[in-house]
């Protein structure tokens, strides 16, 4: 096949890869995106990603620049309050309940929550509007050869593409990261997460709630009403065997355990989707660049789903790469540009991966003295207003 050329080749058509394609395409760069798995854009279809993403305030700017925000806003649920509940006493009831309100630091909500399958649908719709962006479904990256002036990639369908910048957005087991010889450090917790949607009689009032007992947090995130009933997305983290036991329970038994774990904050929860299960790890690449190659999203960093950090870190990667590309388009993919990208992103990524690792280990605590210490720590952090506000700004990724 003839050699094709493009400014940017993105390996990976998940949410992060498609967002990057929209961002760079809207900025005028030519982009080809490839992914071996056809995207599932219907929440009821087999293989649909039932997880949700909470876009925090800084990510909205990236989405606006990419021409995506106006598409997403009608479907989004605002996250005005982020509540942390400790239910680590002898009985699974809320014993410490602290609310962090966005109005203490901003006129806007903390963020906006949307289903991942819907994000894929809207991102692909935006790509269809961009003549300089092409999405190739069912095609993956077969081999990578980089030179000082280009990355030359062979795809699984035999196509050969020369790009000035190769972006690896191909997941935690990134073929591109492996091809360019970048190692990653992985931490395994023995945890899995169940993701599903529920309806409930008590409105969520745009409050996102993390309930901590043991095994990991049980998180309820607001969604738009479903069939006239308040609706929330849930991510329920447990140790692996327990997560699989829960996933395989009959619906009635699962709902009973789910309601016990929720401490009844929103009344009786009713399952409103199928259950999906995801492995939980932390992972960080030793560096975020190689010759003509930038690592973003889970190719560069993976964190447990705590504090809505994962995809927002990914959009932080996109934001910095796009800023550097626009500052000097002639340097797109150069060593100077990519070294700067690494310097700007890697220290912050390491800090967030380490911080979320500590939070996850605290949430997993089984021993009663450790759970009591966690509850006292929550009280202390919340009780001092300057510290509380600083933590909220840090969580948002703003200073």
Protein backbone atom coordinates (compact mmCIF):
# COMPACT_ATOMS: atom_id res chain seq x y z
CA UNK A 1 0.00 0.00 0.00
CA UNK A 2 1.05 3.60 -0.57
CA UNK A 3 2.40 5.55 2.39
CA UNK A 4 -0.23 7.92 3.80
CA UNK A 5 0.70 11.09 5.67
CA UNK A 6 -0.99 12.96 8.49
CA UNK A 7 -0.05 15.45 11.18
CA UNK A 8 -1.20 13.18 14.01
CA UNK A 9 -1.98 9.48 14.28
CA UNK A 10 -3.88 8.48 17.42
CA UNK A 11 -3.71 4.83 18.39
CA UNK A 12 -6.79 4.15 20.49
CA UNK A 13 -10.38 5.25 19.96
CA UNK A 14 -11.63 5.21 23.52
CA UNK A 15 -13.03 8.31 25.19
CA UNK A 16 -9.59 9.92 25.62
CA UNK A 17 -8.40 9.14 22.09
CA UNK A 18 -11.60 10.47 20.52
CA UNK A 19 -11.42 13.61 22.68
CA UNK A 20 -7.84 14.19 21.51
CA UNK A 21 -8.93 13.74 17.89
CA UNK A 22 -11.69 16.33 18.30
CA UNK A 23 -9.34 18.76 20.05
CA UNK A 24 -6.52 18.57 17.50
CA UNK A 25 -8.94 18.40 14.58
CA UNK A 26 -10.76 21.52 15.77
CA UNK A 27 -7.39 23.26 15.97
CA UNK A 28 -6.76 22.54 12.29
CA UNK A 29 -4.39 19.55 12.44
CA UNK A 30 -4.97 16.52 10.22
CA UNK A 31 -5.73 13.47 12.36
CA UNK A 32 -6.24 9.74 11.84
CA UNK A 33 -7.64 7.70 14.75
CA UNK A 34 -7.51 3.89 14.77
CA UNK A 35 -9.02 1.36 17.16
CA UNK A 36 -9.34 -2.42 16.76
CA UNK A 37 -12.70 -2.54 18.58
CA UNK A 38 -15.79 -0.98 16.98
CA UNK A 39 -17.22 1.65 19.36
CA UNK A 40 -20.42 0.79 21.21
CA UNK A 41 -22.65 3.88 21.25
CA UNK A 42 -25.87 2.45 22.68
CA UNK A 43 -26.12 1.94 26.42
CA UNK A 44 -28.41 -1.08 25.98
CA UNK A 45 -26.07 -2.87 23.55
CA UNK A 46 -23.78 -5.74 24.49
CA UNK A 47 -20.32 -4.44 25.37
CA UNK A 48 -21.48 -0.91 26.21
CA UNK A 49 -19.27 0.89 28.72
CA UNK A 50 -21.66 1.46 31.62
CA UNK A 51 -19.23 3.54 33.62
CA UNK A 52 -19.69 7.29 33.80
CA UNK A 53 -17.23 10.15 33.64
CA UNK A 54 -17.40 13.29 35.74
CA UNK A 55 -15.73 16.09 33.82
CA UNK A 56 -14.28 18.52 36.34
CA UNK A 57 -14.14 22.28 35.73
CA UNK A 58 -10.74 22.44 33.93
CA UNK A 59 -11.83 19.73 31.50
CA UNK A 60 -14.78 21.78 30.30
CA UNK A 61 -12.38 24.24 28.63
CA UNK A 62 -10.79 21.40 26.63
CA UNK A 63 -14.23 20.13 25.61
CA UNK A 64 -15.31 23.60 24.51
CA UNK A 65 -12.20 24.05 22.37
CA UNK A 66 -12.86 20.63 20.82
CA UNK A 67 -16.41 21.60 19.83
CA UNK A 68 -17.84 18.99 22.21
CA UNK A 69 -19.32 20.81 25.17
CA UNK A 70 -22.50 22.03 23.46
CA UNK A 71 -23.20 18.43 22.44
CA UNK A 72 -22.66 17.08 25.96
CA UNK A 73 -24.31 19.77 28.08
CA UNK A 74 -27.95 18.66 27.44
CA UNK A 75 -27.12 15.16 28.73
CA UNK A 76 -24.95 16.14 31.71
CA UNK A 77 -25.78 16.08 35.42
CA UNK A 78 -24.12 18.79 37.47
CA UNK A 79 -22.01 17.79 40.48
CA UNK A 80 -22.55 20.64 42.90
CA UNK A 81 -21.64 18.83 46.12
CA UNK A 82 -19.17 16.00 46.70
CA UNK A 83 -20.02 14.15 49.89
CA UNK A 84 -17.84 11.68 51.79
CA UNK A 85 -19.46 9.26 54.19
CA UNK A 86 -17.64 6.95 56.58
CA UNK A 87 -19.65 3.83 57.40
CA UNK A 88 -16.79 1.92 58.96
CA UNK A 89 -18.31 1.28 62.37
CA UNK A 90 -19.47 -2.05 63.72
CA UNK A 91 -22.69 -1.68 61.68
CA UNK A 92 -22.88 -0.40 58.07
CA UNK A 93 -24.45 2.95 58.90
CA UNK A 94 -23.25 6.49 58.18
CA UNK A 95 -21.31 7.66 61.24
CA UNK A 96 -19.42 10.57 59.64
CA UNK A 97 -20.97 12.55 56.76
CA UNK A 98 -19.18 15.59 55.30
CA UNK A 99 -20.21 17.63 52.25
CA UNK A 100 -17.80 19.64 50.09
CA UNK A 101 -19.81 22.33 48.25
CA UNK A 102 -18.42 23.84 45.04
CA UNK A 103 -19.89 27.24 45.91
CA UNK A 104 -17.20 27.56 48.61
CA UNK A 105 -14.56 27.97 45.90
CA UNK A 106 -16.37 28.67 42.61
CA UNK A 107 -19.52 29.91 40.91
CA UNK A 108 -19.64 26.67 38.86
CA UNK A 109 -20.27 23.07 39.93
CA UNK A 110 -17.33 20.77 40.59
CA UNK A 111 -18.13 19.02 37.34
CA UNK A 112 -20.69 17.30 35.12
CA UNK A 113 -21.40 13.57 34.86
CA UNK A 114 -22.15 11.61 31.67
CA UNK A 115 -22.28 7.93 30.63
CA UNK A 116 -19.20 6.72 28.77
CA UNK A 117 -21.19 5.09 25.97
CA UNK A 118 -22.90 8.44 25.30
CA UNK A 119 -19.54 10.21 25.20
CA UNK A 120 -18.41 7.88 22.42
CA UNK A 121 -21.60 8.61 20.48
CA UNK A 122 -21.24 12.37 20.72
CA UNK A 123 -17.47 12.39 20.09
CA UNK A 124 -17.91 10.33 16.92
CA UNK A 125 -20.67 12.67 15.78
CA UNK A 126 -18.29 15.61 16.21
CA UNK A 127 -15.56 13.78 14.28
CA UNK A 128 -17.98 13.30 11.38
CA UNK A 129 -18.16 17.10 11.10
CA UNK A 130 -14.38 17.53 10.87
CA UNK A 131 -13.09 16.98 7.34
CA UNK A 132 -9.50 16.80 8.60
CA UNK A 133 -10.20 13.93 11.04
CA UNK A 134 -10.68 10.29 10.04
CA UNK A 135 -11.75 7.48 12.38
CA UNK A 136 -10.92 3.91 11.34
CA UNK A 137 -12.80 1.31 13.32
CA UNK A 138 -11.66 -2.30 13.50
CA UNK A 139 -8.06 -1.35 12.74
CA UNK A 140 -5.20 -1.40 15.23
CA UNK A 141 -1.51 -0.58 15.39
CA UNK A 142 0.70 -3.46 14.20
CA UNK A 143 4.20 -1.96 14.29
CA UNK A 144 5.93 1.36 14.97
CA UNK A 145 9.16 2.73 13.53
CA UNK A 146 10.22 6.21 14.62
CA UNK A 147 12.75 8.53 13.05
CA UNK A 148 13.84 12.05 13.86
CA UNK A 149 11.35 13.47 11.36
CA UNK A 150 8.39 11.05 11.58
CA UNK A 151 6.69 8.09 13.16
CA UNK A 152 5.98 5.42 10.59
CA UNK A 153 3.18 3.08 11.65
CA UNK A 154 1.89 -0.09 10.02
CA UNK A 155 -1.73 -0.88 10.79
CA UNK A 156 -3.34 -4.30 11.12
CA UNK A 157 -5.06 -3.86 7.74
CA UNK A 158 -1.71 -3.33 6.04
CA UNK A 159 -1.98 0.46 5.69
CA UNK A 160 1.23 2.43 6.31
CA UNK A 161 1.01 5.90 7.81
CA UNK A 162 3.65 8.56 8.36
CA UNK A 163 2.79 11.07 11.08
CA UNK A 164 4.62 13.98 12.67
CA UNK A 165 3.21 12.96 16.04
CA UNK A 166 2.03 9.55 17.22
CA UNK A 167 -0.29 9.68 20.24
CA UNK A 168 -0.65 6.50 22.27
CA UNK A 169 -4.16 6.42 23.74
CA UNK A 170 -4.40 2.64 23.52
CA UNK A 171 -4.94 1.70 27.14
CA UNK A 172 -3.14 0.29 30.12
CA UNK A 173 -1.59 -2.51 28.01
CA UNK A 174 -0.59 -0.02 25.30
CA UNK A 175 0.97 -1.68 22.23
CA UNK A 176 2.53 1.65 21.26
CA UNK A 177 4.13 2.11 24.69
CA UNK A 178 5.62 -1.35 24.39
CA UNK A 179 6.76 -0.73 20.80
CA UNK A 180 8.71 2.42 21.75
CA UNK A 181 10.26 0.75 24.79
CA UNK A 182 8.71 2.66 27.70
CA UNK A 183 8.29 0.70 30.94
CA UNK A 184 5.41 1.16 33.38
CA UNK A 185 5.11 0.45 37.09
CA UNK A 186 1.89 -1.33 38.06
CA UNK A 187 0.29 -1.72 41.50
CA UNK A 188 -2.37 -4.38 41.91
CA UNK A 189 -4.82 -4.13 44.80
CA UNK A 190 -6.75 -7.37 44.37
CA UNK A 191 -9.84 -5.23 43.76
CA UNK A 192 -12.53 -5.06 41.12
CA UNK A 193 -15.23 -2.46 40.52
CA UNK A 194 -18.86 -3.08 39.66
CA UNK A 195 -20.43 -0.38 37.50
CA UNK A 196 -24.19 -0.01 37.01
CA UNK A 197 -27.08 2.45 37.23
CA UNK A 198 -29.88 2.63 39.80
CA UNK A 199 -33.08 4.54 40.41
CA UNK A 200 -34.11 5.73 43.87
CA UNK A 201 -37.00 7.61 45.51
CA UNK A 202 -34.96 10.40 47.13
CA UNK A 203 -33.56 12.98 44.64
CA UNK A 204 -29.76 13.18 44.54
CA UNK A 205 -29.86 17.01 44.45
CA UNK A 206 -26.68 16.98 42.33
CA UNK A 207 -24.70 15.46 45.20
CA UNK A 208 -22.01 12.87 44.42
CA UNK A 209 -21.39 10.58 47.40
CA UNK A 210 -18.50 8.26 48.28
CA UNK A 211 -19.35 5.80 51.07
CA UNK A 212 -16.34 4.20 52.75
CA UNK A 213 -16.48 1.02 54.80
CA UNK A 214 -14.00 -1.65 53.62
CA UNK A 215 -12.90 -3.13 50.31
CA UNK A 216 -13.09 0.25 48.56
CA UNK A 217 -15.59 3.10 48.13
CA UNK A 218 -19.22 2.75 47.09
CA UNK A 219 -19.79 5.84 44.94
CA UNK A 220 -23.12 7.28 43.79
CA UNK A 221 -22.87 9.86 41.00
CA UNK A 222 -25.88 11.87 39.73
CA UNK A 223 -27.45 11.05 36.39
CA UNK A 224 -30.52 12.58 34.69
CA UNK A 225 -33.88 11.16 35.78
CA UNK A 226 -34.93 7.88 34.19
CA UNK A 227 -38.62 7.30 33.46
CA UNK A 228 -39.54 9.96 35.97
CA UNK A 229 -37.38 8.57 38.80
CA UNK A 230 -34.14 10.03 40.18
CA UNK A 231 -31.18 8.09 38.81
CA UNK A 232 -27.51 7.63 39.77
CA UNK A 233 -24.50 5.77 38.47
CA UNK A 234 -22.73 3.54 40.98
CA UNK A 235 -19.14 2.34 41.10
CA UNK A 236 -18.79 -0.25 43.86
CA UNK A 237 -15.22 -1.34 44.61
CA UNK A 238 -14.54 -4.55 46.52
CA UNK A 239 -11.82 -7.15 46.82
CA UNK A 240 -11.85 -9.37 43.74
CA UNK A 241 -13.63 -12.50 45.05
CA UNK A 242 -16.32 -10.42 46.78
CA UNK A 243 -16.87 -8.32 43.65
CA UNK A 244 -17.37 -11.44 41.53
CA UNK A 245 -19.73 -12.92 44.12
CA UNK A 246 -21.82 -9.76 44.01
CA UNK A 247 -21.76 -9.61 40.22
CA UNK A 248 -23.18 -13.14 39.98
CA UNK A 249 -25.96 -12.75 42.55
CA UNK A 250 -29.59 -12.89 41.40
CA UNK A 251 -31.00 -9.40 41.02
CA UNK A 252 -33.11 -9.47 44.18
CA UNK A 253 -30.21 -10.63 46.35
CA UNK A 254 -27.85 -8.12 44.73
CA UNK A 255 -30.26 -5.28 45.43
CA UNK A 256 -30.49 -6.31 49.08
CA UNK A 257 -26.69 -6.18 49.48
CA UNK A 258 -26.47 -2.97 47.46
CA UNK A 259 -29.01 -1.27 49.71
CA UNK A 260 -27.20 -2.38 52.85
CA UNK A 261 -23.93 -0.98 51.47
CA UNK A 262 -25.52 2.36 50.47
CA UNK A 263 -26.57 3.05 54.10
CA UNK A 264 -30.00 4.08 52.75
CA UNK A 265 -28.95 7.63 51.89
CA UNK A 266 -31.18 7.82 48.79
CA UNK A 267 -33.82 5.35 49.93
CA UNK A 268 -34.26 1.89 48.38
CA UNK A 269 -32.07 1.51 45.28
CA UNK A 270 -33.45 -0.32 42.25
CA UNK A 271 -31.08 -1.76 39.63
CA UNK A 272 -31.64 0.03 36.31
CA UNK A 273 -28.93 -1.53 34.09
CA UNK A 274 -26.83 -4.63 33.78
CA UNK A 275 -23.73 -4.97 35.95
CA UNK A 276 -20.21 -4.75 34.51
CA UNK A 277 -16.96 -5.57 36.30
CA UNK A 278 -13.58 -3.83 35.90
CA UNK A 279 -10.16 -4.63 37.41
CA UNK A 280 -8.61 -1.94 39.63
CA UNK A 281 -4.91 -1.05 39.39
CA UNK A 282 -2.59 1.92 39.62
CA UNK A 283 -0.05 2.33 36.85
CA UNK A 284 2.39 4.98 35.70
CA UNK A 285 4.72 5.05 32.71
CA UNK A 286 8.34 5.89 33.50
CA UNK A 287 8.10 8.67 30.94
CA UNK A 288 5.37 10.11 28.76
CA UNK A 289 7.27 10.45 25.51
CA UNK A 290 9.58 8.74 23.06
CA UNK A 291 10.82 9.83 19.65
CA UNK A 292 7.84 11.34 17.78
CA UNK A 293 5.51 9.71 20.35
CA UNK A 294 3.40 11.04 23.23
CA UNK A 295 1.64 8.85 25.80
CA UNK A 296 -1.72 10.03 27.12
CA UNK A 297 -4.53 8.63 29.26
CA UNK A 298 -4.24 5.01 30.41
CA UNK A 299 -1.21 4.42 28.21
CA UNK A 300 0.53 6.86 30.59
CA UNK A 301 -1.36 6.54 33.88
CA UNK A 302 -4.11 4.48 35.48
CA UNK A 303 -5.77 5.24 38.82
CA UNK A 304 -8.63 3.70 40.83
CA UNK A 305 -11.99 5.48 40.29
CA UNK A 306 -11.76 7.80 43.29
CA UNK A 307 -12.39 11.54 43.17
CA UNK A 308 -13.20 11.61 39.44
CA UNK A 309 -9.53 11.88 38.52
CA UNK A 310 -8.94 9.36 35.72
CA UNK A 311 -10.28 10.90 32.51
CA UNK A 312 -9.70 14.41 33.82
CA UNK A 313 -5.99 13.57 34.05
CA UNK A 314 -6.25 12.33 30.46
CA UNK A 315 -7.78 15.61 29.29
CA UNK A 316 -4.99 17.39 31.16
CA UNK A 317 -2.57 15.49 28.90
CA UNK A 318 -4.52 16.59 25.82
CA UNK A 319 -4.64 20.20 27.01
CA UNK A 320 -0.87 20.45 27.45
CA UNK A 321 -0.08 18.69 24.16
CA UNK A 322 -2.49 20.95 22.29
CA UNK A 323 -1.08 24.09 23.90
CA UNK A 324 2.44 23.11 22.84
CA UNK A 325 1.32 22.22 19.31
CA UNK A 326 -0.45 25.55 18.88
CA UNK A 327 2.42 27.58 20.34
CA UNK A 328 4.71 26.34 17.58
CA UNK A 329 3.03 24.17 14.93
CA UNK A 330 6.32 23.68 13.14
CA UNK A 331 7.66 21.83 16.20
CA UNK A 332 4.78 19.31 16.27
CA UNK A 333 6.20 16.01 17.47
CA UNK A 334 9.74 17.32 17.94
CA UNK A 335 11.98 16.21 20.79
CA UNK A 336 11.80 19.72 22.26
CA UNK A 337 7.99 19.70 22.29
CA UNK A 338 7.73 16.21 23.79
CA UNK A 339 10.36 16.79 26.47
CA UNK A 340 8.40 19.90 27.51
CA UNK A 341 5.18 17.87 27.58
CA UNK A 342 6.81 15.33 29.89
CA UNK A 343 8.17 18.03 32.23
CA UNK A 344 4.76 19.69 32.51
CA UNK A 345 2.71 16.54 33.03
CA UNK A 346 4.74 13.77 34.62
CA UNK A 347 5.35 15.34 38.07
CA UNK A 348 1.65 16.15 38.49
CA UNK A 349 0.64 12.71 37.25
CA UNK A 350 3.00 11.04 39.74
CA UNK A 351 1.56 13.16 42.56
CA UNK A 352 -2.03 12.24 41.70
CA UNK A 353 -1.29 8.55 41.22
CA UNK A 354 0.42 8.47 44.64
CA UNK A 355 -2.38 10.43 46.33
CA UNK A 356 -5.15 8.24 44.93
CA UNK A 357 -3.16 5.13 45.87
CA UNK A 358 -3.14 6.29 49.51
CA UNK A 359 -6.86 7.13 49.46
CA UNK A 360 -7.69 3.73 48.00
CA UNK A 361 -5.64 1.87 50.60
CA UNK A 362 -7.37 3.84 53.35
CA UNK A 363 -10.77 2.99 51.88
CA UNK A 364 -9.89 -0.72 51.72
CA UNK A 365 -9.12 -0.92 55.46
CA UNK A 366 -10.70 -3.91 57.18
CA UNK A 367 -9.33 -3.58 60.72
CA UNK A 368 -11.60 -1.53 63.00
CA UNK A 369 -8.79 0.68 64.43
CA UNK A 370 -7.79 1.69 60.88
CA UNK A 371 -11.40 2.45 59.96
CA UNK A 372 -11.76 4.55 63.10
CA UNK A 373 -8.58 6.45 62.23
CA UNK A 374 -9.96 7.10 58.74
CA UNK A 375 -13.15 8.58 60.20
CA UNK A 376 -11.21 10.84 62.56
CA UNK A 377 -9.01 11.98 59.69
CA UNK A 378 -12.06 12.96 57.65
CA UNK A 379 -13.42 14.99 60.57
CA UNK A 380 -10.09 16.77 61.04
CA UNK A 381 -9.61 17.64 57.35
CA UNK A 382 -13.15 18.91 57.00
CA UNK A 383 -13.13 20.91 60.22
CA UNK A 384 -10.47 23.40 59.14
CA UNK A 385 -11.93 25.59 56.35
CA UNK A 386 -8.63 26.64 54.65
CA UNK A 387 -7.55 23.00 54.43
CA UNK A 388 -10.99 21.96 53.13
CA UNK A 389 -10.90 24.58 50.38
CA UNK A 390 -7.33 23.70 49.43
CA UNK A 391 -8.30 20.03 49.10
CA UNK A 392 -11.23 20.95 46.85
CA UNK A 393 -8.99 23.04 44.58
CA UNK A 394 -6.40 20.26 44.48
CA UNK A 395 -9.07 17.74 43.53
CA UNK A 396 -10.21 19.97 40.67
CA UNK A 397 -6.65 20.43 39.44
CA UNK A 398 -6.72 24.20 39.90
CA UNK A 399 -4.56 26.41 42.08
